[in-house]
Amino acid sequence: MDALERKLVRADTFLWHLVNVGVGVAIFIATVLYMPLGSSSIGVGGFSIDPFYLLVAFAVIYSCWTGIDFWRWYADDDSG
């Protein structure tokens, strides 16, 4: 693989990681804007669950997970 191909692959991987982190952030922002706390609830058995808590937890966990993966990839700079 020549230098240009390595740079293209590195740029593609960088954008892939960046988009994955962005998805988690976008889910968090959309949840806060469009489904604020207490706006709706889902009845499950004898109690109700507010989807806000599930979506926020998912968004934070996903953002952290992909952010850590992004950081590991970025710190492992073997492009030289």
PDB file of N, CA and C in Angstrom:
ATOM      1  N   MET A   1       0.853  -1.164   0.000  1.00  0.00           N
ATOM      2  CA  MET A   1       0.000   0.000   0.000  1.00  0.00           C
ATOM      3  C   MET A   1       0.910   1.242   0.000  1.00  0.00           C
ATOM      4  N   ASP A   2       0.648   2.133  -0.918  1.00  0.00           N
ATOM      5  CA  ASP A   2       1.478   3.333  -0.967  1.00  0.00           C
ATOM      6  C   ASP A   2       0.986   4.391   0.027  1.00  0.00           C
ATOM      7  N   ALA A   3       1.697   5.509   0.075  1.00  0.00           N
ATOM      8  CA  ALA A   3       1.410   6.537   1.078  1.00  0.00           C
ATOM      9  C   ALA A   3       0.022   7.146   0.915  1.00  0.00           C
ATOM     10  N   LEU A   4      -0.409   7.371  -0.312  1.00  0.00           N
ATOM     11  CA  LEU A   4      -1.727   7.954  -0.544  1.00  0.00           C
ATOM     12  C   LEU A   4      -2.837   7.017  -0.077  1.00  0.00           C
ATOM     13  N   GLU A   5      -2.696   5.729  -0.367  1.00  0.00           N
ATOM     14  CA  GLU A   5      -3.699   4.749   0.086  1.00  0.00           C
ATOM     15  C   GLU A   5      -3.753   4.680   1.604  1.00  0.00           C
ATOM     16  N   ARG A   6      -2.609   4.745   2.264  1.00  0.00           N
ATOM     17  CA  ARG A   6      -2.583   4.737   3.737  1.00  0.00           C
ATOM     18  C   ARG A   6      -3.300   5.956   4.302  1.00  0.00           C
ATOM     19  N   LYS A   7      -3.072   7.117   3.680  1.00  0.00           N
ATOM     20  CA  LYS A   7      -3.737   8.332   4.144  1.00  0.00           C
ATOM     21  C   LYS A   7      -5.245   8.250   3.931  1.00  0.00           C
ATOM     22  N   LEU A   8      -5.670   7.689   2.806  1.00  0.00           N
ATOM     23  CA  LEU A   8      -7.101   7.545   2.539  1.00  0.00           C
ATOM     24  C   LEU A   8      -7.755   6.579   3.523  1.00  0.00           C
ATOM     25  N   VAL A   9      -7.094   5.479   3.800  1.00  0.00           N
ATOM     26  CA  VAL A   9      -7.626   4.511   4.754  1.00  0.00           C
ATOM     27  C   VAL A   9      -7.685   5.124   6.145  1.00  0.00           C
ATOM     28  N   ARG A  10      -6.658   5.863   6.525  1.00  0.00           N
ATOM     29  CA  ARG A  10      -6.651   6.511   7.845  1.00  0.00           C
ATOM     30  C   ARG A  10      -7.755   7.557   7.942  1.00  0.00           C
ATOM     31  N   ALA A  11      -7.961   8.346   6.882  1.00  0.00           N
ATOM     32  CA  ALA A  11      -9.031   9.345   6.885  1.00  0.00           C
ATOM     33  C   ALA A  11     -10.398   8.677   6.954  1.00  0.00           C
ATOM     34  N   ASP A  12     -10.569   7.582   6.232  1.00  0.00           N
ATOM     35  CA  ASP A  12     -11.835   6.850   6.260  1.00  0.00           C
ATOM     36  C   ASP A  12     -12.111   6.296   7.656  1.00  0.00           C
ATOM     37  N   THR A  13     -11.109   5.736   8.289  1.00  0.00           N
ATOM     38  CA  THR A  13     -11.267   5.195   9.637  1.00  0.00           C
ATOM     39  C   THR A  13     -11.539   6.305  10.642  1.00  0.00           C
ATOM     40  N   PHE A  14     -10.874   7.438  10.477  1.00  0.00           N
ATOM     41  CA  PHE A  14     -11.109   8.585  11.353  1.00  0.00           C
ATOM     42  C   PHE A  14     -12.567   9.032  11.254  1.00  0.00           C
ATOM     43  N   LEU A  15     -13.074   9.173  10.044  1.00  0.00           N
ATOM     44  CA  LEU A  15     -14.459   9.602   9.857  1.00  0.00           C
ATOM     45  C   LEU A  15     -15.439   8.558  10.387  1.00  0.00           C
ATOM     46  N   TRP A  16     -15.128   7.275  10.236  1.00  0.00           N
ATOM     47  CA  TRP A  16     -15.988   6.219  10.736  1.00  0.00           C
ATOM     48  C   TRP A  16     -16.110   6.315  12.257  1.00  0.00           C
ATOM     49  N   HIS A  17     -14.979   6.501  12.940  1.00  0.00           N
ATOM     50  CA  HIS A  17     -15.009   6.639  14.400  1.00  0.00           C
ATOM     51  C   HIS A  17     -15.745   7.909  14.812  1.00  0.00           C
ATOM     52  N   LEU A  18     -15.487   8.998  14.103  1.00  0.00           N
ATOM     53  CA  LEU A  18     -16.121  10.269  14.440  1.00  0.00           C
ATOM     54  C   LEU A  18     -17.642  10.199  14.283  1.00  0.00           C
ATOM     55  N   VAL A  19     -18.102   9.540  13.245  1.00  0.00           N
ATOM     56  CA  VAL A  19     -19.544   9.391  13.035  1.00  0.00           C
ATOM     57  C   VAL A  19     -20.161   8.540  14.139  1.00  0.00           C
ATOM     58  N   ASN A  20     -19.488   7.484  14.550  1.00  0.00           N
ATOM     59  CA  ASN A  20     -20.018   6.644  15.618  1.00  0.00           C
ATOM     60  C   ASN A  20     -20.171   7.420  16.924  1.00  0.00           C
ATOM     61  N   VAL A  21     -19.199   8.238  17.271  1.00  0.00           N
ATOM     62  CA  VAL A  21     -19.320   9.064  18.469  1.00  0.00           C
ATOM     63  C   VAL A  21     -20.460  10.062  18.274  1.00  0.00           C
ATOM     64  N   GLY A  22     -20.564  10.612  17.085  1.00  0.00           N
ATOM     65  CA  GLY A  22     -21.622  11.577  16.786  1.00  0.00           C
ATOM     66  C   GLY A  22     -23.017  10.997  16.891  1.00  0.00           C
ATOM     67  N   VAL A  23     -23.171   9.725  16.590  1.00  0.00           N
ATOM     68  CA  VAL A  23     -24.482   9.082  16.715  1.00  0.00           C
ATOM     69  C   VAL A  23     -24.937   9.084  18.167  1.00  0.00           C
ATOM     70  N   GLY A  24     -24.058   8.747  19.073  1.00  0.00           N
ATOM     71  CA  GLY A  24     -24.414   8.762  20.490  1.00  0.00           C
ATOM     72  C   GLY A  24     -24.765  10.155  20.977  1.00  0.00           C
ATOM     73  N   VAL A  25     -24.007  11.138  20.555  1.00  0.00           N
ATOM     74  CA  VAL A  25     -24.288  12.516  20.940  1.00  0.00           C
ATOM     75  C   VAL A  25     -25.617  12.970  20.342  1.00  0.00           C
ATOM     76  N   ALA A  26     -25.882  12.600  19.090  1.00  0.00           N
ATOM     77  CA  ALA A  26     -27.133  12.981  18.436  1.00  0.00           C
ATOM     78  C   ALA A  26     -28.341  12.342  19.127  1.00  0.00           C
ATOM     79  N   ILE A  27     -28.213  11.096  19.547  1.00  0.00           N
ATOM     80  CA  ILE A  27     -29.308  10.444  20.267  1.00  0.00           C
ATOM     81  C   ILE A  27     -29.561  11.153  21.588  1.00  0.00           C
ATOM     82  N   PHE A  28     -28.502  11.530  22.273  1.00  0.00           N
ATOM     83  CA  PHE A  28     -28.664  12.251  23.532  1.00  0.00           C
ATOM     84  C   PHE A  28     -29.376  13.589  23.316  1.00  0.00           C
ATOM     85  N   ILE A  29     -28.928  14.362  22.344  1.00  0.00           N
ATOM     86  CA  ILE A  29     -29.538  15.669  22.077  1.00  0.00           C
ATOM     87  C   ILE A  29     -30.985  15.516  21.630  1.00  0.00           C
ATOM     88  N   ALA A  30     -31.248  14.559  20.748  1.00  0.00           N
ATOM     89  CA  ALA A  30     -32.627  14.346  20.284  1.00  0.00           C
ATOM     90  C   ALA A  30     -33.530  13.915  21.437  1.00  0.00           C
ATOM     91  N   THR A  31     -33.014  13.104  22.326  1.00  0.00           N
ATOM     92  CA  THR A  31     -33.810  12.672  23.476  1.00  0.00           C
ATOM     93  C   THR A  31     -34.152  13.857  24.370  1.00  0.00           C
ATOM     94  N   VAL A  32     -33.179  14.673  24.657  1.00  0.00           N
ATOM     95  CA  VAL A  32     -33.422  15.832  25.525  1.00  0.00           C
ATOM     96  C   VAL A  32     -34.395  16.811  24.866  1.00  0.00           C
ATOM     97  N   LEU A  33     -34.277  17.008  23.559  1.00  0.00           N
ATOM     98  CA  LEU A  33     -35.127  17.975  22.866  1.00  0.00           C
ATOM     99  C   LEU A  33     -36.537  17.452  22.594  1.00  0.00           C
ATOM    100  N   TYR A  34     -36.644  16.210  22.135  1.00  0.00           N
ATOM    101  CA  TYR A  34     -37.924  15.713  21.641  1.00  0.00           C
ATOM    102  C   TYR A  34     -38.657  14.756  22.572  1.00  0.00           C
ATOM    103  N   MET A  35     -37.993  14.262  23.594  1.00  0.00           N
ATOM    104  CA  MET A  35     -38.654  13.398  24.561  1.00  0.00           C
ATOM    105  C   MET A  35     -38.144  13.748  25.953  1.00  0.00           C
ATOM    106  N   PRO A  36     -38.442  14.954  26.403  1.00  0.00           N
ATOM    107  CA  PRO A  36     -37.927  15.373  27.710  1.00  0.00           C
ATOM    108  C   PRO A  36     -38.482  14.512  28.844  1.00  0.00           C
ATOM    109  N   LEU A  37     -37.826  14.614  29.953  1.00  0.00           N
ATOM    110  CA  LEU A  37     -38.192  13.842  31.140  1.00  0.00           C
ATOM    111  C   LEU A  37     -39.657  14.052  31.494  1.00  0.00           C
ATOM    112  N   GLY A  38     -40.391  12.967  31.637  1.00  0.00           N
ATOM    113  CA  GLY A  38     -41.785  13.004  32.040  1.00  0.00           C
ATOM    114  C   GLY A  38     -42.782  13.257  30.922  1.00  0.00           C
ATOM    115  N   SER A  39     -42.328  13.326  29.676  1.00  0.00           N
ATOM    116  CA  SER A  39     -43.263  13.608  28.577  1.00  0.00           C
ATOM    117  C   SER A  39     -44.096  12.390  28.200  1.00  0.00           C
ATOM    118  N   SER A  40     -43.584  11.204  28.409  1.00  0.00           N
ATOM    119  CA  SER A  40     -44.337   9.990  28.105  1.00  0.00           C
ATOM    120  C   SER A  40     -43.844   8.850  28.976  1.00  0.00           C
ATOM    121  N   SER A  41     -44.646   7.814  29.059  1.00  0.00           N
ATOM    122  CA  SER A  41     -44.230   6.636  29.813  1.00  0.00           C
ATOM    123  C   SER A  41     -44.827   5.402  29.163  1.00  0.00           C
ATOM    124  N   ILE A  42     -44.168   4.290  29.386  1.00  0.00           N
ATOM    125  CA  ILE A  42     -44.592   3.013  28.820  1.00  0.00           C
ATOM    126  C   ILE A  42     -44.965   2.104  29.985  1.00  0.00           C
ATOM    127  N   GLY A  43     -46.173   1.571  29.947  1.00  0.00           N
ATOM    128  CA  GLY A  43     -46.609   0.660  30.998  1.00  0.00           C
ATOM    129  C   GLY A  43     -46.057  -0.729  30.788  1.00  0.00           C
ATOM    130  N   VAL A  44     -45.334  -1.216  31.773  1.00  0.00           N
ATOM    131  CA  VAL A  44     -44.756  -2.564  31.720  1.00  0.00           C
ATOM    132  C   VAL A  44     -45.168  -3.278  32.995  1.00  0.00           C
ATOM    133  N   GLY A  45     -46.027  -4.260  32.837  1.00  0.00           N
ATOM    134  CA  GLY A  45     -46.505  -4.982  34.015  1.00  0.00           C
ATOM    135  C   GLY A  45     -47.282  -4.063  34.928  1.00  0.00           C
ATOM    136  N   GLY A  46     -46.867  -3.979  36.163  1.00  0.00           N
ATOM    137  CA  GLY A  46     -47.564  -3.160  37.137  1.00  0.00           C
ATOM    138  C   GLY A  46     -46.964  -1.783  37.337  1.00  0.00           C
ATOM    139  N   PHE A  47     -45.965  -1.419  36.541  1.00  0.00           N
ATOM    140  CA  PHE A  47     -45.345  -0.102  36.700  1.00  0.00           C
ATOM    141  C   PHE A  47     -45.070   0.513  35.329  1.00  0.00           C
ATOM    142  N   SER A  48     -44.733   1.783  35.329  1.00  0.00           N
ATOM    143  CA  SER A  48     -44.455   2.465  34.070  1.00  0.00           C
ATOM    144  C   SER A  48     -42.996   2.919  34.030  1.00  0.00           C
ATOM    145  N   ILE A  49     -42.456   2.923  32.824  1.00  0.00           N
ATOM    146  CA  ILE A  49     -41.063   3.309  32.597  1.00  0.00           C
ATOM    147  C   ILE A  49     -41.054   4.535  31.690  1.00  0.00           C
ATOM    148  N   ASP A  50     -40.265   5.510  32.054  1.00  0.00           N
ATOM    149  CA  ASP A  50     -40.078   6.687  31.207  1.00  0.00           C
ATOM    150  C   ASP A  50     -38.937   6.389  30.227  1.00  0.00           C
ATOM    151  N   PRO A  51     -39.192   6.404  28.912  1.00  0.00           N
ATOM    152  CA  PRO A  51     -38.143   6.086  27.932  1.00  0.00           C
ATOM    153  C   PRO A  51     -36.960   7.055  27.973  1.00  0.00           C
ATOM    154  N   PHE A  52     -37.155   8.220  28.563  1.00  0.00           N
ATOM    155  CA  PHE A  52     -36.068   9.194  28.672  1.00  0.00           C
ATOM    156  C   PHE A  52     -34.848   8.563  29.339  1.00  0.00           C
ATOM    157  N   TYR A  53     -35.074   7.858  30.440  1.00  0.00           N
ATOM    158  CA  TYR A  53     -33.955   7.260  31.175  1.00  0.00           C
ATOM    159  C   TYR A  53     -33.236   6.199  30.345  1.00  0.00           C
ATOM    160  N   LEU A  54     -33.981   5.396  29.622  1.00  0.00           N
ATOM    161  CA  LEU A  54     -33.369   4.355  28.795  1.00  0.00           C
ATOM    162  C   LEU A  54     -32.562   4.956  27.651  1.00  0.00           C
ATOM    163  N   LEU A  55     -33.132   5.949  26.972  1.00  0.00           N
ATOM    164  CA  LEU A  55     -32.442   6.556  25.842  1.00  0.00           C
ATOM    165  C   LEU A  55     -31.210   7.346  26.271  1.00  0.00           C
ATOM    166  N   VAL A  56     -31.317   8.078  27.363  1.00  0.00           N
ATOM    167  CA  VAL A  56     -30.157   8.835  27.843  1.00  0.00           C
ATOM    168  C   VAL A  56     -29.052   7.879  28.276  1.00  0.00           C
ATOM    169  N   ALA A  57     -29.414   6.826  28.989  1.00  0.00           N
ATOM    170  CA  ALA A  57     -28.405   5.843  29.405  1.00  0.00           C
ATOM    171  C   ALA A  57     -27.739   5.203  28.194  1.00  0.00           C
ATOM    172  N   PHE A  58     -28.536   4.821  27.190  1.00  0.00           N
ATOM    173  CA  PHE A  58     -27.984   4.234  25.974  1.00  0.00           C
ATOM    174  C   PHE A  58     -27.040   5.219  25.287  1.00  0.00           C
ATOM    175  N   ALA A  59     -27.466   6.472  25.147  1.00  0.00           N
ATOM    176  CA  ALA A  59     -26.654   7.467  24.450  1.00  0.00           C
ATOM    177  C   ALA A  59     -25.332   7.714  25.158  1.00  0.00           C
ATOM    178  N   VAL A  60     -25.365   7.813  26.474  1.00  0.00           N
ATOM    179  CA  VAL A  60     -24.139   8.067  27.231  1.00  0.00           C
ATOM    180  C   VAL A  60     -23.198   6.862  27.155  1.00  0.00           C
ATOM    181  N   ILE A  61     -23.741   5.675  27.345  1.00  0.00           N
ATOM    182  CA  ILE A  61     -22.908   4.464  27.272  1.00  0.00           C
ATOM    183  C   ILE A  61     -22.319   4.285  25.878  1.00  0.00           C
ATOM    184  N   TYR A  62     -23.140   4.477  24.841  1.00  0.00           N
ATOM    185  CA  TYR A  62     -22.665   4.318  23.467  1.00  0.00           C
ATOM    186  C   TYR A  62     -21.608   5.370  23.127  1.00  0.00           C
ATOM    187  N   SER A  63     -21.834   6.610  23.537  1.00  0.00           N
ATOM    188  CA  SER A  63     -20.858   7.670  23.265  1.00  0.00           C
ATOM    189  C   SER A  63     -19.530   7.389  23.967  1.00  0.00           C
ATOM    190  N   CYS A  64     -19.590   6.968  25.201  1.00  0.00           N
ATOM    191  CA  CYS A  64     -18.359   6.638  25.934  1.00  0.00           C
ATOM    192  C   CYS A  64     -17.639   5.450  25.305  1.00  0.00           C
ATOM    193  N   TRP A  65     -18.390   4.434  24.951  1.00  0.00           N
ATOM    194  CA  TRP A  65     -17.807   3.228  24.354  1.00  0.00           C
ATOM    195  C   TRP A  65     -17.122   3.554  23.028  1.00  0.00           C
ATOM    196  N   THR A  66     -17.807   4.278  22.151  1.00  0.00           N
ATOM    197  CA  THR A  66     -17.209   4.612  20.860  1.00  0.00           C
ATOM    198  C   THR A  66     -16.105   5.665  21.024  1.00  0.00           C
ATOM    199  N   GLY A  67     -16.248   6.546  22.012  1.00  0.00           N
ATOM    200  CA  GLY A  67     -15.193   7.526  22.270  1.00  0.00           C
ATOM    201  C   GLY A  67     -13.917   6.867  22.743  1.00  0.00           C
ATOM    202  N   ILE A  68     -14.040   5.868  23.597  1.00  0.00           N
ATOM    203  CA  ILE A  68     -12.864   5.128  24.063  1.00  0.00           C
ATOM    204  C   ILE A  68     -12.216   4.379  22.902  1.00  0.00           C
ATOM    205  N   ASP A  69     -13.029   3.763  22.055  1.00  0.00           N
ATOM    206  CA  ASP A  69     -12.505   3.063  20.880  1.00  0.00           C
ATOM    207  C   ASP A  69     -11.798   4.043  19.946  1.00  0.00           C
ATOM    208  N   PHE A  70     -12.381   5.213  19.764  1.00  0.00           N
ATOM    209  CA  PHE A  70     -11.776   6.258  18.940  1.00  0.00           C
ATOM    210  C   PHE A  70     -10.436   6.682  19.528  1.00  0.00           C
ATOM    211  N   TRP A  71     -10.405   6.888  20.836  1.00  0.00           N
ATOM    212  CA  TRP A  71      -9.165   7.290  21.496  1.00  0.00           C
ATOM    213  C   TRP A  71      -8.097   6.214  21.350  1.00  0.00           C
ATOM    214  N   ARG A  72      -8.448   4.951  21.521  1.00  0.00           N
ATOM    215  CA  ARG A  72      -7.474   3.859  21.360  1.00  0.00           C
ATOM    216  C   ARG A  72      -6.926   3.827  19.948  1.00  0.00           C
ATOM    217  N   TRP A  73      -7.814   3.975  18.963  1.00  0.00           N
ATOM    218  CA  TRP A  73      -7.371   3.969  17.577  1.00  0.00           C
ATOM    219  C   TRP A  73      -6.450   5.152  17.305  1.00  0.00           C
ATOM    220  N   TYR A  74      -6.832   6.326  17.785  1.00  0.00           N
ATOM    221  CA  TYR A  74      -6.044   7.525  17.536  1.00  0.00           C
ATOM    222  C   TYR A  74      -4.684   7.454  18.234  1.00  0.00           C
ATOM    223  N   ALA A  75      -4.646   6.899  19.428  1.00  0.00           N
ATOM    224  CA  ALA A  75      -3.392   6.794  20.178  1.00  0.00           C
ATOM    225  C   ALA A  75      -2.456   5.758  19.555  1.00  0.00           C
ATOM    226  N   ASP A  76      -2.995   4.793  18.849  1.00  0.00           N
ATOM    227  CA  ASP A  76      -2.190   3.767  18.196  1.00  0.00           C
ATOM    228  C   ASP A  76      -1.811   4.259  16.806  1.00  0.00           C
ATOM    229  N   ASP A  77      -0.969   5.262  16.759  1.00  0.00           N
ATOM    230  CA  ASP A  77      -0.593   5.895  15.494  1.00  0.00           C
ATOM    231  C   ASP A  77       0.583   5.152  14.885  1.00  0.00           C
ATOM    232  N   ASP A  78       0.261   4.234  13.983  1.00  0.00           N
ATOM    233  CA  ASP A  78       1.316   3.493  13.290  1.00  0.00           C
ATOM    234  C   ASP A  78       1.337   3.872  11.802  1.00  0.00           C
ATOM    235  N   SER A  79       0.915   5.090  11.492  1.00  0.00           N
ATOM    236  CA  SER A  79       0.840   5.512  10.096  1.00  0.00           C
ATOM    237  C   SER A  79       2.193   5.876   9.509  1.00  0.00           C
ATOM    238  N   GLY A  80       3.200   5.978  10.360  1.00  0.00           N
ATOM    239  CA  GLY A  80       4.507   6.452   9.978  1.00  0.00           C
ATOM    240  C   GLY A  80       5.220   5.607   9.036  1.00  0.00           C
TER     241      GLY A  80
END
